[in-house]
Amino acid sequence: MDIVHKIGRRKTAVARVYLSEGKGNITINKRELDNYFTTSTLRYKVQQPLVLTENAEAFDIKVNVFGGGVTGQAEAIRLAISRALCEIDAENRAILKPEGLLTRDPRMVERKKFGQKKARKKFQFSKR
């Protein structure tokens, strides 16, 4: 099996995932998973597609991720891993699709408008 390369995005985070056969090692930006994501919630998000498809110890995963915050990065990695697993085995799609792991979350930060304090917040209005 060759190395499978997929990209996942969330907000401004972009994750490039390289999936190959191995023992279940996950390396993110040349650091271990437990080193990179300190909270168990974020580690669970990254491993969720592997656990659902029962491939937790089947693949070695190398990830390059940049942009955004830690949650956005974790969800970008999750999307990329899900896409890679679908390319390896089409049957994984039936498992991951109902969980919503193959859907790119389109929500982005709304831009700030001129003449306003923030995207939606206005400056204080004085009638008289």
Protein backbone atom coordinates (compact mmCIF):
# COMPACT_ATOMS: atom_id res chain seq x y z
CA MET A 1 0.00 0.00 0.00
CA ASP A 2 1.26 3.46 -0.90
CA ILE A 3 1.02 6.56 1.26
CA VAL A 4 -2.42 8.19 1.03
CA HIS A 5 -2.37 12.00 1.10
CA LYS A 6 -5.52 14.01 1.96
CA ILE A 7 -6.32 17.55 3.08
CA GLY A 8 -8.85 18.65 5.70
CA ARG A 9 -9.91 22.19 6.55
CA ARG A 10 -11.85 23.86 9.38
CA LYS A 11 -12.17 27.65 9.81
CA THR A 12 -8.62 28.80 8.93
CA ALA A 13 -6.85 25.55 9.89
CA VAL A 14 -5.44 23.35 7.11
CA ALA A 15 -4.30 19.78 7.82
CA ARG A 16 -2.31 17.60 5.41
CA VAL A 17 -2.46 13.94 6.38
CA TYR A 18 -0.16 11.17 5.13
CA LEU A 19 -1.58 7.75 5.98
CA SER A 20 0.50 4.57 5.65
CA GLU A 21 0.42 1.04 7.06
CA GLY A 22 1.92 0.79 10.53
CA LYS A 23 1.31 0.35 14.24
CA GLY A 24 -0.99 3.29 15.04
CA ASN A 25 1.51 6.12 15.59
CA ILE A 26 0.11 9.62 15.07
CA THR A 27 2.68 12.39 14.56
CA ILE A 28 1.50 16.00 14.29
CA ASN A 29 4.07 18.62 13.20
CA LYS A 30 6.87 16.21 14.24
CA ARG A 31 5.38 15.85 17.75
CA GLU A 32 3.43 12.99 19.31
CA LEU A 33 -0.38 13.24 19.52
CA ASP A 34 -0.34 13.42 23.35
CA ASN A 35 2.29 16.18 23.19
CA TYR A 36 0.46 18.28 20.61
CA PHE A 37 -3.13 18.02 21.93
CA THR A 38 -3.09 18.19 25.71
CA THR A 39 -6.83 17.72 26.35
CA SER A 40 -8.51 14.34 25.98
CA THR A 41 -11.40 15.88 24.00
CA LEU A 42 -9.11 17.00 21.19
CA ARG A 43 -7.27 13.66 21.16
CA TYR A 44 -10.66 11.89 20.91
CA LYS A 45 -11.66 14.10 17.94
CA VAL A 46 -8.47 13.17 16.07
CA GLN A 47 -8.86 9.44 16.76
CA GLN A 48 -12.64 9.28 16.22
CA PRO A 49 -12.60 8.10 12.55
CA LEU A 50 -9.97 5.44 13.36
CA VAL A 51 -11.96 4.12 16.34
CA LEU A 52 -15.26 4.03 14.41
CA THR A 53 -13.70 2.06 11.52
CA GLU A 54 -11.68 -0.14 13.95
CA ASN A 55 -8.34 0.92 12.41
CA ALA A 56 -6.75 2.43 15.54
CA GLU A 57 -3.61 0.23 15.33
CA ALA A 58 -3.59 -0.36 11.56
CA PHE A 59 -2.06 2.87 10.21
CA ASP A 60 0.76 5.30 10.93
CA ILE A 61 -0.34 8.90 10.41
CA LYS A 62 1.91 11.88 9.75
CA VAL A 63 0.20 15.27 9.89
CA ASN A 64 1.27 18.78 8.89
CA VAL A 65 -1.22 21.32 10.26
CA PHE A 66 -1.15 25.12 10.40
CA GLY A 67 -3.52 28.03 10.96
CA GLY A 68 -6.44 28.48 13.31
CA GLY A 69 -6.63 27.34 16.92
CA VAL A 70 -6.28 23.93 18.54
CA THR A 71 -9.96 22.93 18.11
CA GLY A 72 -10.02 23.95 14.45
CA GLN A 73 -6.78 22.05 13.86
CA ALA A 74 -8.15 18.91 15.57
CA GLU A 75 -11.31 18.99 13.44
CA ALA A 76 -9.31 19.62 10.26
CA ILE A 77 -7.17 16.55 11.05
CA ARG A 78 -10.32 14.50 11.73
CA LEU A 79 -11.76 15.42 8.31
CA ALA A 80 -8.51 14.59 6.52
CA ILE A 81 -8.18 11.21 8.26
CA SER A 82 -11.82 10.40 7.42
CA ARG A 83 -11.23 11.21 3.75
CA ALA A 84 -8.07 9.09 3.68
CA LEU A 85 -9.86 6.11 5.25
CA CYS A 86 -12.61 6.36 2.60
CA GLU A 87 -10.02 6.26 -0.17
CA ILE A 88 -8.40 3.15 1.33
CA ASP A 89 -11.69 1.27 1.75
CA ALA A 90 -15.01 2.42 0.28
CA GLU A 91 -16.94 0.54 3.01
CA ASN A 92 -15.63 3.05 5.58
CA ARG A 93 -17.80 5.72 3.94
CA ALA A 94 -20.99 4.02 5.18
CA ILE A 95 -19.65 4.18 8.76
CA LEU A 96 -18.28 7.74 8.71
CA LYS A 97 -21.00 9.54 6.71
CA PRO A 98 -23.85 9.14 9.27
CA GLU A 99 -21.52 10.45 12.01
CA GLY A 100 -20.96 13.62 9.96
CA LEU A 101 -17.20 13.10 9.69
CA LEU A 102 -17.04 13.58 5.91
CA THR A 103 -18.78 16.98 5.93
CA ARG A 104 -16.60 20.08 5.60
CA ASP A 105 -17.91 22.57 8.19
CA PRO A 106 -18.46 25.77 6.16
CA ARG A 107 -18.75 28.16 9.12
CA MET A 108 -16.14 30.91 9.02
CA VAL A 109 -15.56 34.09 11.00
CA GLU A 110 -17.67 36.93 9.61
CA ARG A 111 -15.62 39.90 8.47
CA LYS A 112 -15.63 43.24 10.26
CA LYS A 113 -17.54 45.98 8.43
CA PHE A 114 -16.38 49.60 8.25
CA GLY A 115 -18.38 52.07 10.37
CA GLN A 116 -18.99 49.31 12.94
CA LYS A 117 -17.16 48.11 16.02
CA LYS A 118 -17.06 44.43 14.97
CA ALA A 119 -18.84 42.20 12.44
CA ARG A 120 -22.30 42.80 13.92
CA LYS A 121 -21.73 45.11 16.89
CA LYS A 122 -22.37 48.78 16.15
CA PHE A 123 -21.00 51.92 17.77
CA GLN A 124 -23.29 53.40 20.43
CA PHE A 125 -26.13 55.38 18.84
CA SER A 126 -27.23 58.69 20.34
CA LYS A 127 -30.61 59.98 19.24
CA ARG A 128 -30.12 63.46 20.74
